[in-house]
Amino acid sequence: MKPSLFAPRRARPTRASAMRGATLVEMSVSLLIFLMVIFAIAEVALMFKAKAVVDMAALAAARAGAVDHARAGPTSKMHMAGRTALAPLYMRTGTGSAELASAIVRAHADLIALNMSIDVLNPTAASFADHGVNAAGKPRFIPNDSLMYRSTRVKATSGQNIQDANLLKIRLTYCYEPRMPLANEFLRLALSLFNGTDMCRIRGRLPIRAEALVRMQTEAYQ
């Protein structure tokens, strides 16, 4: 059977329509990249805000530890002060006392699950070896009284005198949870190059760290 002369012919795509399709794809990819950059910039701004709060939290934790024998356990005053000081990051609406109390509860509930850690950088084990003393009913401790009258001789193991051994230095690590869409995966991938086994990245968060240094007001316990 011969094809009819009047049978409809299948339209072939023209060069112009093919170019329009390619342009649409290019615009979609470009828009996605543009949005990722915008969201990443906004996320970095939020992280800078969080870093300011983490700095203050590290100082609050160090000051609490200075009057609590440098104890750094999960239930110590140092950890409690650090978690409480991070409460501004958990405020949602308003600035009243009720919202602050709710934010403190949310902060403690989130941070108790290993989303915040505190490492005592000083005094070190060598500090206790050089300057620590033993007493009945106490763990080994570094004397804190009359420091201005004590010898300033530097001991060999720690490279410190007793005044330096009475400086409490801590590092607080807060596991920040990204807020902006598209930016979180990009930032996690970028930071994974530097923190491949970081506890925060394992939890899908980003580490923000701050250090604080204060003078001990009590005897540091080992």
Foldseek 3Di string as FASTA:
>chain_A
DDDDPPDDDDDDDDPVVVVVVVVVVVVVVVVLVVVLVVLLVVQVVVVVVLLVLQQVLQAQLQVQCLAVQNDFDLPGSSNLSSLLSSLVVQQDDDDDPVSSVVSSVVSCVVVSVVQKGKDWPAPDPLLLVVAWDDDPPAATWHDDPPPVPDDFDQDDRRRGGSQRNQKTKMKMKGFAAGDGPSNLVVVLVVCCVVCVPPPSSVVSTDIRMYMDIDGRPGIRHD
